[in-house]
Amino acid sequence: SKDNAENTMYLQMNSLKPEDTAVYYCNLAFRGNY
């Protein structure tokens, strides 16, 4: 989800599994890749 007022994106993760273990990165692609 995104909260445009807060200029923030979220990822709600439920029912997590051991295979979800990782480093998580957010990404934005607009006139560049960030």
Full PDB file with SEQRES, HELIX, SHEET, SSBOND, CRYST1, ORIGX, SCALE, CONECT and MASTER records, all heavy atoms in Angstrom:
SEQRES   1 A   34  SER LYS ASP ASN ALA GLU ASN THR MET TYR LEU GLN MET          
SEQRES   2 A   34  ASN SER LEU LYS PRO GLU ASP THR ALA VAL TYR TYR CYS          
SEQRES   3 A   34  ASN LEU ALA PHE ARG GLY ASN TYR                              
HELIX    1 AA1 PRO A   18  ASP A   20  5                                   3    
SHEET    1 AA1 2 LYS A   2  ASP A   3  0                                        
SHEET    2 AA1 2 THR A   8  MET A   9 -1                                        
CRYST1    1.000    1.000    1.000  90.00  90.00  90.00 P 1           1          
ORIGX1      1.000000  0.000000  0.000000        0.00000                         
ORIGX2      0.000000  1.000000  0.000000        0.00000                         
ORIGX3      0.000000  0.000000  1.000000        0.00000                         
SCALE1      1.000000  0.000000  0.000000        0.00000                         
SCALE2      0.000000  1.000000  0.000000        0.00000                         
SCALE3      0.000000  0.000000  1.000000        0.00000                         
ATOM      1  N   SER A   1       0.848  -1.191   0.000  1.00  0.00           N  
ATOM      2  CA  SER A   1       0.000   0.000   0.000  1.00  0.00           C  
ATOM      3  C   SER A   1       0.882   1.238   0.000  1.00  0.00           C  
ATOM      4  O   SER A   1       2.082   1.164   0.293  1.00  0.00           O  
ATOM      5  CB  SER A   1      -0.931   0.007   1.207  1.00  0.00           C  
ATOM      6  OG  SER A   1      -0.188   0.036   2.422  1.00  0.00           O  
ATOM      7  N   LYS A   2       0.262   2.358  -0.339  1.00  0.00           N  
ATOM      8  CA  LYS A   2       0.945   3.652  -0.299  1.00  0.00           C  
ATOM      9  C   LYS A   2       0.096   4.628   0.494  1.00  0.00           C  
ATOM     10  O   LYS A   2      -1.125   4.648   0.358  1.00  0.00           O  
ATOM     11  CB  LYS A   2       1.156   4.219  -1.708  1.00  0.00           C  
ATOM     12  CG  LYS A   2       2.269   3.599  -2.496  1.00  0.00           C  
ATOM     13  CD  LYS A   2       2.698   4.494  -3.673  1.00  0.00           C  
ATOM     14  CE  LYS A   2       1.626   4.754  -4.661  1.00  0.00           C  
ATOM     15  NZ  LYS A   2       2.066   5.620  -5.778  1.00  0.00           N  
ATOM     16  N   ASP A   3       0.751   5.452   1.288  1.00  0.00           N  
ATOM     17  CA  ASP A   3       0.103   6.585   1.944  1.00  0.00           C  
ATOM     18  C   ASP A   3       0.704   7.828   1.316  1.00  0.00           C  
ATOM     19  O   ASP A   3       1.814   8.239   1.658  1.00  0.00           O  
ATOM     20  CB  ASP A   3       0.351   6.538   3.455  1.00  0.00           C  
ATOM     21  CG  ASP A   3      -0.384   7.624   4.197  1.00  0.00           C  
ATOM     22  OD1 ASP A   3      -0.622   8.714   3.614  1.00  0.00           O  
ATOM     23  OD2 ASP A   3      -0.725   7.417   5.374  1.00  0.00           O  
ATOM     24  N   ASN A   4      -0.032   8.407   0.379  1.00  0.00           N  
ATOM     25  CA  ASN A   4       0.518   9.554  -0.354  1.00  0.00           C  
ATOM     26  C   ASN A   4       0.732  10.756   0.560  1.00  0.00           C  
ATOM     27  O   ASN A   4       1.657  11.531   0.351  1.00  0.00           O  
ATOM     28  CB  ASN A   4      -0.391   9.903  -1.522  1.00  0.00           C  
ATOM     29  CG  ASN A   4      -0.417   8.816  -2.580  1.00  0.00           C  
ATOM     30  OD1 ASN A   4       0.593   8.166  -2.839  1.00  0.00           O  
ATOM     31  ND2 ASN A   4      -1.569   8.613  -3.192  1.00  0.00           N  
ATOM     32  N   ALA A   5      -0.116  10.915   1.548  1.00  0.00           N  
ATOM     33  CA  ALA A   5       0.037  12.041   2.469  1.00  0.00           C  
ATOM     34  C   ALA A   5       1.335  11.928   3.271  1.00  0.00           C  
ATOM     35  O   ALA A   5       1.978  12.936   3.573  1.00  0.00           O  
ATOM     36  CB  ALA A   5      -1.157  12.109   3.408  1.00  0.00           C  
ATOM     37  N   GLU A   6       1.707  10.694   3.617  1.00  0.00           N  
ATOM     38  CA  GLU A   6       2.939  10.458   4.369  1.00  0.00           C  
ATOM     39  C   GLU A   6       4.135  10.222   3.442  1.00  0.00           C  
ATOM     40  O   GLU A   6       5.260  10.094   3.918  1.00  0.00           O  
ATOM     41  CB  GLU A   6       2.772   9.243   5.290  1.00  0.00           C  
ATOM     42  CG  GLU A   6       1.722   9.439   6.371  1.00  0.00           C  
ATOM     43  CD  GLU A   6       2.152  10.502   7.373  1.00  0.00           C  
ATOM     44  OE1 GLU A   6       3.367  10.620   7.652  1.00  0.00           O  
ATOM     45  OE2 GLU A   6       1.261  11.227   7.865  1.00  0.00           O  
ATOM     46  N   ASN A   7       3.859  10.142   2.122  1.00  0.00           N  
ATOM     47  CA  ASN A   7       4.920   9.855   1.142  1.00  0.00           C  
ATOM     48  C   ASN A   7       5.671   8.575   1.486  1.00  0.00           C  
ATOM     49  O   ASN A   7       6.904   8.497   1.398  1.00  0.00           O  
ATOM     50  CB  ASN A   7       5.916  11.026   1.042  1.00  0.00           C  
ATOM     51  CG  ASN A   7       6.348  11.303  -0.390  1.00  0.00           C  
ATOM     52  OD1 ASN A   7       5.540  11.227  -1.314  1.00  0.00           O  
ATOM     53  ND2 ASN A   7       7.606  11.621  -0.578  1.00  0.00           N  
ATOM     54  N   THR A   8       4.886   7.578   1.889  1.00  0.00           N  
ATOM     55  CA  THR A   8       5.456   6.326   2.383  1.00  0.00           C  
ATOM     56  C   THR A   8       4.718   5.131   1.778  1.00  0.00           C  
ATOM     57  O   THR A   8       3.495   5.168   1.630  1.00  0.00           O  
ATOM     58  CB  THR A   8       5.360   6.268   3.917  1.00  0.00           C  
ATOM     59  OG1 THR A   8       6.094   7.372   4.480  1.00  0.00           O  
ATOM     60  CG2 THR A   8       5.937   4.969   4.468  1.00  0.00           C  
ATOM     61  N   MET A   9       5.477   4.103   1.458  1.00  0.00           N  
ATOM     62  CA  MET A   9       4.915   2.841   0.993  1.00  0.00           C  
ATOM     63  C   MET A   9       5.079   1.805   2.094  1.00  0.00           C  
ATOM     64  O   MET A   9       6.041   1.868   2.878  1.00  0.00           O  
ATOM     65  CB  MET A   9       5.637   2.373  -0.273  1.00  0.00           C  
ATOM     66  CG  MET A   9       5.163   1.041  -0.801  1.00  0.00           C  
ATOM     67  SD  MET A   9       6.018   0.529  -2.317  1.00  0.00           S  
ATOM     68  CE  MET A   9       7.687   0.273  -1.736  1.00  0.00           C  
ATOM     69  N   TYR A  10       4.134   0.858   2.139  1.00  0.00           N  
ATOM     70  CA  TYR A  10       4.163  -0.160   3.177  1.00  0.00           C  
ATOM     71  C   TYR A  10       4.066  -1.567   2.573  1.00  0.00           C  
ATOM     72  O   TYR A  10       3.566  -1.750   1.465  1.00  0.00           O  
ATOM     73  CB  TYR A  10       2.994   0.026   4.152  1.00  0.00           C  
ATOM     74  CG  TYR A  10       3.012   1.351   4.868  1.00  0.00           C  
ATOM     75  CD1 TYR A  10       2.235   2.415   4.423  1.00  0.00           C  
ATOM     76  CD2 TYR A  10       3.817   1.537   5.982  1.00  0.00           C  
ATOM     77  CE1 TYR A  10       2.259   3.634   5.071  1.00  0.00           C  
ATOM     78  CE2 TYR A  10       3.842   2.756   6.654  1.00  0.00           C  
ATOM     79  CZ  TYR A  10       3.060   3.796   6.180  1.00  0.00           C  
ATOM     80  OH  TYR A  10       3.089   5.000   6.841  1.00  0.00           O  
ATOM     81  N   LEU A  11       4.521  -2.525   3.345  1.00  0.00           N  
ATOM     82  CA  LEU A  11       4.300  -3.932   3.014  1.00  0.00           C  
ATOM     83  C   LEU A  11       3.889  -4.628   4.301  1.00  0.00           C  
ATOM     84  O   LEU A  11       4.709  -4.816   5.204  1.00  0.00           O  
ATOM     85  CB  LEU A  11       5.550  -4.592   2.436  1.00  0.00           C  
ATOM     86  CG  LEU A  11       5.360  -6.042   1.965  1.00  0.00           C  
ATOM     87  CD1 LEU A  11       4.441  -6.070   0.728  1.00  0.00           C  
ATOM     88  CD2 LEU A  11       6.688  -6.703   1.640  1.00  0.00           C  
ATOM     89  N   GLN A  12       2.616  -4.979   4.382  1.00  0.00           N  
ATOM     90  CA  GLN A  12       2.116  -5.745   5.517  1.00  0.00           C  
ATOM     91  C   GLN A  12       2.327  -7.217   5.220  1.00  0.00           C  
ATOM     92  O   GLN A  12       1.832  -7.722   4.206  1.00  0.00           O  
ATOM     93  CB  GLN A  12       0.636  -5.457   5.745  1.00  0.00           C  
ATOM     94  CG  GLN A  12       0.013  -6.261   6.881  1.00  0.00           C  
ATOM     95  CD  GLN A  12       0.579  -5.891   8.232  1.00  0.00           C  
ATOM     96  OE1 GLN A  12       0.753  -4.718   8.544  1.00  0.00           O  
ATOM     97  NE2 GLN A  12       0.869  -6.889   9.063  1.00  0.00           N  
ATOM     98  N   MET A  13       3.049  -7.886   6.090  1.00  0.00           N  
ATOM     99  CA  MET A  13       3.391  -9.284   5.875  1.00  0.00           C  
ATOM    100  C   MET A  13       2.781 -10.121   6.996  1.00  0.00           C  
ATOM    101  O   MET A  13       3.125  -9.938   8.167  1.00  0.00           O  
ATOM    102  CB  MET A  13       4.915  -9.455   5.852  1.00  0.00           C  
ATOM    103  CG  MET A  13       5.618  -8.573   4.841  1.00  0.00           C  
ATOM    104  SD  MET A  13       7.382  -8.922   4.679  1.00  0.00           S  
ATOM    105  CE  MET A  13       7.943  -8.512   6.312  1.00  0.00           C  
ATOM    106  N   ASN A  14       1.878 -11.005   6.636  1.00  0.00           N  
ATOM    107  CA  ASN A  14       1.223 -11.888   7.589  1.00  0.00           C  
ATOM    108  C   ASN A  14       1.565 -13.341   7.283  1.00  0.00           C  
ATOM    109  O   ASN A  14       2.044 -13.659   6.200  1.00  0.00           O  
ATOM    110  CB  ASN A  14      -0.290 -11.694   7.547  1.00  0.00           C  
ATOM    111  CG  ASN A  14      -0.727 -10.294   7.897  1.00  0.00           C  
ATOM    112  OD1 ASN A  14      -0.094  -9.620   8.709  1.00  0.00           O  
ATOM    113  ND2 ASN A  14      -1.808  -9.842   7.292  1.00  0.00           N  
ATOM    114  N   SER A  15       1.301 -14.203   8.231  1.00  0.00           N  
ATOM    115  CA  SER A  15       1.541 -15.650   8.060  1.00  0.00           C  
ATOM    116  C   SER A  15       2.941 -15.915   7.519  1.00  0.00           C  
ATOM    117  O   SER A  15       3.130 -16.685   6.569  1.00  0.00           O  
ATOM    118  CB  SER A  15       0.488 -16.245   7.113  1.00  0.00           C  
ATOM    119  OG  SER A  15      -0.817 -16.023   7.614  1.00  0.00           O  
ATOM    120  N   LEU A  16       3.905 -15.283   8.136  1.00  0.00           N  
ATOM    121  CA  LEU A  16       5.284 -15.396   7.647  1.00  0.00           C  
ATOM    122  C   LEU A  16       5.813 -16.816   7.787  1.00  0.00           C  
ATOM    123  O   LEU A  16       5.475 -17.538   8.744  1.00  0.00           O  
ATOM    124  CB  LEU A  16       6.174 -14.403   8.401  1.00  0.00           C  
ATOM    125  CG  LEU A  16       6.036 -12.953   7.915  1.00  0.00           C  
ATOM    126  CD1 LEU A  16       6.551 -11.980   8.954  1.00  0.00           C  
ATOM    127  CD2 LEU A  16       6.762 -12.775   6.593  1.00  0.00           C  
ATOM    128  N   LYS A  17       6.641 -17.180   6.826  1.00  0.00           N  
ATOM    129  CA  LYS A  17       7.237 -18.509   6.766  1.00  0.00           C  
ATOM    130  C   LYS A  17       8.758 -18.390   6.818  1.00  0.00           C  
ATOM    131  O   LYS A  17       9.313 -17.349   6.430  1.00  0.00           O  
ATOM    132  CB  LYS A  17       6.845 -19.209   5.465  1.00  0.00           C  
ATOM    133  CG  LYS A  17       5.349 -19.303   5.219  1.00  0.00           C  
ATOM    134  CD  LYS A  17       5.080 -19.892   3.845  1.00  0.00           C  
ATOM    135  CE  LYS A  17       3.588 -19.986   3.565  1.00  0.00           C  
ATOM    136  NZ  LYS A  17       3.324 -20.554   2.209  1.00  0.00           N  
ATOM    137  N   PRO A  18       9.456 -19.425   7.229  1.00  0.00           N  
ATOM    138  CA  PRO A  18      10.929 -19.359   7.235  1.00  0.00           C  
ATOM    139  C   PRO A  18      11.501 -19.003   5.870  1.00  0.00           C  
ATOM    140  O   PRO A  18      12.532 -18.300   5.788  1.00  0.00           O  
ATOM    141  CB  PRO A  18      11.333 -20.759   7.669  1.00  0.00           C  
ATOM    142  CG  PRO A  18      10.197 -21.226   8.529  1.00  0.00           C  
ATOM    143  CD  PRO A  18       8.974 -20.655   7.885  1.00  0.00           C  
ATOM    144  N   GLU A  19      10.860 -19.437   4.806  1.00  0.00           N  
ATOM    145  CA  GLU A  19      11.366 -19.127   3.462  1.00  0.00           C  
ATOM    146  C   GLU A  19      11.173 -17.668   3.068  1.00  0.00           C  
ATOM    147  O   GLU A  19      11.655 -17.244   2.022  1.00  0.00           O  
ATOM    148  CB  GLU A  19      10.731 -20.046   2.412  1.00  0.00           C  
ATOM    149  CG  GLU A  19       9.219 -20.104   2.465  1.00  0.00           C  
ATOM    150  CD  GLU A  19       8.706 -21.292   3.256  1.00  0.00           C  
ATOM    151  OE1 GLU A  19       9.261 -21.579   4.346  1.00  0.00           O  
ATOM    152  OE2 GLU A  19       7.745 -21.943   2.794  1.00  0.00           O  
ATOM    153  N   ASP A  20      10.485 -16.892   3.892  1.00  0.00           N  
ATOM    154  CA  ASP A  20      10.381 -15.447   3.658  1.00  0.00           C  
ATOM    155  C   ASP A  20      11.604 -14.695   4.178  1.00  0.00           C  
ATOM    156  O   ASP A  20      11.724 -13.482   3.974  1.00  0.00           O  
ATOM    157  CB  ASP A  20       9.131 -14.882   4.336  1.00  0.00           C  
ATOM    158  CG  ASP A  20       7.840 -15.400   3.724  1.00  0.00           C  
ATOM    159  OD1 ASP A  20       7.768 -15.501   2.487  1.00  0.00           O  
ATOM    160  OD2 ASP A  20       6.906 -15.706   4.487  1.00  0.00           O  
ATOM    161  N   THR A  21      12.498 -15.392   4.848  1.00  0.00           N  
ATOM    162  CA  THR A  21      13.712 -14.764   5.370  1.00  0.00           C  
ATOM    163  C   THR A  21      14.555 -14.201   4.231  1.00  0.00           C  
ATOM    164  O   THR A  21      14.896 -14.914   3.286  1.00  0.00           O  
ATOM    165  CB  THR A  21      14.535 -15.780   6.176  1.00  0.00           C  
ATOM    166  OG1 THR A  21      13.784 -16.180   7.323  1.00  0.00           O  
ATOM    167  CG2 THR A  21      15.864 -15.191   6.612  1.00  0.00           C  
ATOM    168  N   ALA A  22      14.853 -12.913   4.311  1.00  0.00           N  
ATOM    169  CA  ALA A  22      15.592 -12.228   3.250  1.00  0.00           C  
ATOM    170  C   ALA A  22      15.805 -10.769   3.668  1.00  0.00           C  
ATOM    171  O   ALA A  22      15.224 -10.302   4.651  1.00  0.00           O  
ATOM    172  CB  ALA A  22      14.824 -12.270   1.935  1.00  0.00           C  
ATOM    173  N   VAL A  23      16.610 -10.080   2.882  1.00  0.00           N  
ATOM    174  CA  VAL A  23      16.675  -8.622   2.991  1.00  0.00           C  
ATOM    175  C   VAL A  23      15.638  -8.067   2.018  1.00  0.00           C  
ATOM    176  O   VAL A  23      15.629  -8.448   0.838  1.00  0.00           O  
ATOM    177  CB  VAL A  23      18.071  -8.081   2.656  1.00  0.00           C  
ATOM    178  CG1 VAL A  23      18.090  -6.567   2.758  1.00  0.00           C  
ATOM    179  CG2 VAL A  23      19.108  -8.689   3.605  1.00  0.00           C  
ATOM    180  N   TYR A  24      14.788  -7.199   2.518  1.00  0.00           N  
ATOM    181  CA  TYR A  24      13.724  -6.609   1.719  1.00  0.00           C  
ATOM    182  C   TYR A  24      14.099  -5.182   1.329  1.00  0.00           C  
ATOM    183  O   TYR A  24      14.562  -4.403   2.179  1.00  0.00           O  
ATOM    184  CB  TYR A  24      12.410  -6.623   2.497  1.00  0.00           C  
ATOM    185  CG  TYR A  24      11.793  -7.997   2.556  1.00  0.00           C  
ATOM    186  CD1 TYR A  24      12.367  -9.007   3.320  1.00  0.00           C  
ATOM    187  CD2 TYR A  24      10.641  -8.301   1.829  1.00  0.00           C  
ATOM    188  CE1 TYR A  24      11.822 -10.285   3.360  1.00  0.00           C  
ATOM    189  CE2 TYR A  24      10.081  -9.569   1.865  1.00  0.00           C  
ATOM    190  CZ  TYR A  24      10.679 -10.558   2.630  1.00  0.00           C  
ATOM    191  OH  TYR A  24      10.134 -11.820   2.662  1.00  0.00           O  
ATOM    192  N   TYR A  25      13.870  -4.862   0.055  1.00  0.00           N  
ATOM    193  CA  TYR A  25      14.232  -3.556  -0.489  1.00  0.00           C  
ATOM    194  C   TYR A  25      13.009  -2.909  -1.132  1.00  0.00           C  
ATOM    195  O   TYR A  25      12.257  -3.571  -1.864  1.00  0.00           O  
ATOM    196  CB  TYR A  25      15.292  -3.695  -1.579  1.00  0.00           C  
ATOM    197  CG  TYR A  25      16.600  -4.304  -1.134  1.00  0.00           C  
ATOM    198  CD1 TYR A  25      16.793  -5.682  -1.178  1.00  0.00           C  
ATOM    199  CD2 TYR A  25      17.659  -3.513  -0.711  1.00  0.00           C  
ATOM    200  CE1 TYR A  25      17.993  -6.252  -0.794  1.00  0.00           C  
ATOM    201  CE2 TYR A  25      18.867  -4.075  -0.325  1.00  0.00           C  
ATOM    202  CZ  TYR A  25      19.016  -5.439  -0.366  1.00  0.00           C  
ATOM    203  OH  TYR A  25      20.225  -6.003   0.007  1.00  0.00           O  
ATOM    204  N   CYS A  26      12.845  -1.613  -0.914  1.00  0.00           N  
ATOM    205  CA  CYS A  26      11.825  -0.911  -1.676  1.00  0.00           C  
ATOM    206  C   CYS A  26      12.466  -0.321  -2.926  1.00  0.00           C  
ATOM    207  O   CYS A  26      13.667  -0.043  -2.957  1.00  0.00           O  
ATOM    208  CB  CYS A  26      11.126   0.154  -0.839  1.00  0.00           C  
ATOM    209  SG  CYS A  26      12.166   1.462  -0.188  1.00  0.00           S  
ATOM    210  N   ASN A  27      11.639  -0.138  -3.940  1.00  0.00           N  
ATOM    211  CA  ASN A  27      12.113   0.314  -5.247  1.00  0.00           C  
ATOM    212  C   ASN A  27      11.153   1.320  -5.838  1.00  0.00           C  
ATOM    213  O   ASN A  27       9.934   1.208  -5.702  1.00  0.00           O  
ATOM    214  CB  ASN A  27      12.246  -0.877  -6.196  1.00  0.00           C  
ATOM    215  CG  ASN A  27      12.582  -0.459  -7.615  1.00  0.00           C  
ATOM    216  OD1 ASN A  27      11.691  -0.348  -8.457  1.00  0.00           O  
ATOM    217  ND2 ASN A  27      13.844  -0.207  -7.875  1.00  0.00           N  
ATOM    218  N   LEU A  28      11.736   2.307  -6.498  1.00  0.00           N  
ATOM    219  CA  LEU A  28      10.966   3.314  -7.220  1.00  0.00           C  
ATOM    220  C   LEU A  28      11.674   3.547  -8.549  1.00  0.00           C  
ATOM    221  O   LEU A  28      12.891   3.762  -8.579  1.00  0.00           O  
ATOM    222  CB  LEU A  28      10.917   4.601  -6.387  1.00  0.00           C  
ATOM    223  CG  LEU A  28      10.132   5.793  -6.889  1.00  0.00           C  
ATOM    224  CD1 LEU A  28       9.740   6.683  -5.715  1.00  0.00           C  
ATOM    225  CD2 LEU A  28      10.938   6.608  -7.904  1.00  0.00           C  
ATOM    226  N   ALA A  29      10.913   3.434  -9.631  1.00  0.00           N  
ATOM    227  CA  ALA A  29      11.491   3.641 -10.955  1.00  0.00           C  
ATOM    228  C   ALA A  29      10.790   4.817 -11.612  1.00  0.00           C  
ATOM    229  O   ALA A  29       9.642   4.714 -12.031  1.00  0.00           O  
ATOM    230  CB  ALA A  29      11.350   2.378 -11.800  1.00  0.00           C  
ATOM    231  N   PHE A  30      11.445   5.949 -11.662  1.00  0.00           N  
ATOM    232  CA  PHE A  30      10.901   7.162 -12.287  1.00  0.00           C  
ATOM    233  C   PHE A  30      12.069   8.050 -12.630  1.00  0.00           C  
ATOM    234  O   PHE A  30      12.707   8.608 -11.742  1.00  0.00           O  
ATOM    235  CB  PHE A  30       9.938   7.874 -11.338  1.00  0.00           C  
ATOM    236  CG  PHE A  30       9.313   9.108 -11.909  1.00  0.00           C  
ATOM    237  CD1 PHE A  30       8.287   9.010 -12.833  1.00  0.00           C  
ATOM    238  CD2 PHE A  30       9.745  10.372 -11.536  1.00  0.00           C  
ATOM    239  CE1 PHE A  30       7.704  10.146 -13.377  1.00  0.00           C  
ATOM    240  CE2 PHE A  30       9.167  11.510 -12.062  1.00  0.00           C  
ATOM    241  CZ  PHE A  30       8.143  11.392 -12.988  1.00  0.00           C  
ATOM    242  N   ARG A  31      12.358   8.153 -13.934  1.00  0.00           N  
ATOM    243  CA  ARG A  31      13.532   8.922 -14.366  1.00  0.00           C  
ATOM    244  C   ARG A  31      14.772   8.435 -13.642  1.00  0.00           C  
ATOM    245  O   ARG A  31      15.636   9.231 -13.267  1.00  0.00           O  
ATOM    246  CB  ARG A  31      13.301  10.415 -14.130  1.00  0.00           C  
ATOM    247  CG  ARG A  31      12.137  10.977 -14.942  1.00  0.00           C  
ATOM    248  CD  ARG A  31      11.896  12.440 -14.681  1.00  0.00           C  
ATOM    249  NE  ARG A  31      10.778  12.934 -15.474  1.00  0.00           N  
ATOM    250  CZ  ARG A  31      10.263  14.153 -15.362  1.00  0.00           C  
ATOM    251  NH1 ARG A  31      10.808  15.015 -14.517  1.00  0.00           N  
ATOM    252  NH2 ARG A  31       9.239  14.520 -16.108  1.00  0.00           N  
ATOM    253  N   GLY A  32      14.844   7.165 -13.459  1.00  0.00           N  
ATOM    254  CA  GLY A  32      15.947   6.549 -12.728  1.00  0.00           C  
ATOM    255  C   GLY A  32      15.412   5.368 -11.954  1.00  0.00           C  
ATOM    256  O   GLY A  32      14.202   5.171 -11.870  1.00  0.00           O  
ATOM    257  N   ASN A  33      16.318   4.598 -11.381  1.00  0.00           N  
ATOM    258  CA  ASN A  33      15.918   3.427 -10.604  1.00  0.00           C  
ATOM    259  C   ASN A  33      16.503   3.577  -9.205  1.00  0.00           C  
ATOM    260  O   ASN A  33      17.721   3.632  -9.039  1.00  0.00           O  
ATOM    261  CB  ASN A  33      16.449   2.160 -11.274  1.00  0.00           C  
ATOM    262  CG  ASN A  33      15.743   0.911 -10.795  1.00  0.00           C  
ATOM    263  OD1 ASN A  33      14.610   0.965 -10.314  1.00  0.00           O  
ATOM    264  ND2 ASN A  33      16.411  -0.214 -10.901  1.00  0.00           N  
ATOM    265  N   TYR A  34      15.631   3.650  -8.208  1.00  0.00           N  
ATOM    266  CA  TYR A  34      16.081   3.965  -6.857  1.00  0.00           C  
ATOM    267  C   TYR A  34      15.730   2.825  -5.914  1.00  0.00           C  
ATOM    268  O   TYR A  34      14.661   2.216  -6.018  1.00  0.00           O  
ATOM    269  CB  TYR A  34      15.417   5.260  -6.373  1.00  0.00           C  
ATOM    270  CG  TYR A  34      15.700   6.433  -7.279  1.00  0.00           C  
ATOM    271  CD1 TYR A  34      14.800   6.789  -8.279  1.00  0.00           C  
ATOM    272  CD2 TYR A  34      16.873   7.176  -7.139  1.00  0.00           C  
ATOM    273  CE1 TYR A  34      15.063   7.852  -9.123  1.00  0.00           C  
ATOM    274  CE2 TYR A  34      17.133   8.243  -7.981  1.00  0.00           C  
ATOM    275  CZ  TYR A  34      16.223   8.571  -8.971  1.00  0.00           C  
ATOM    276  OH  TYR A  34      16.494   9.638  -9.809  1.00  0.00           O  
TER     277      TYR A  34                                                      
MASTER        0    0    0    1    2    0    0    6  276    1    0    3          
END                                                                             
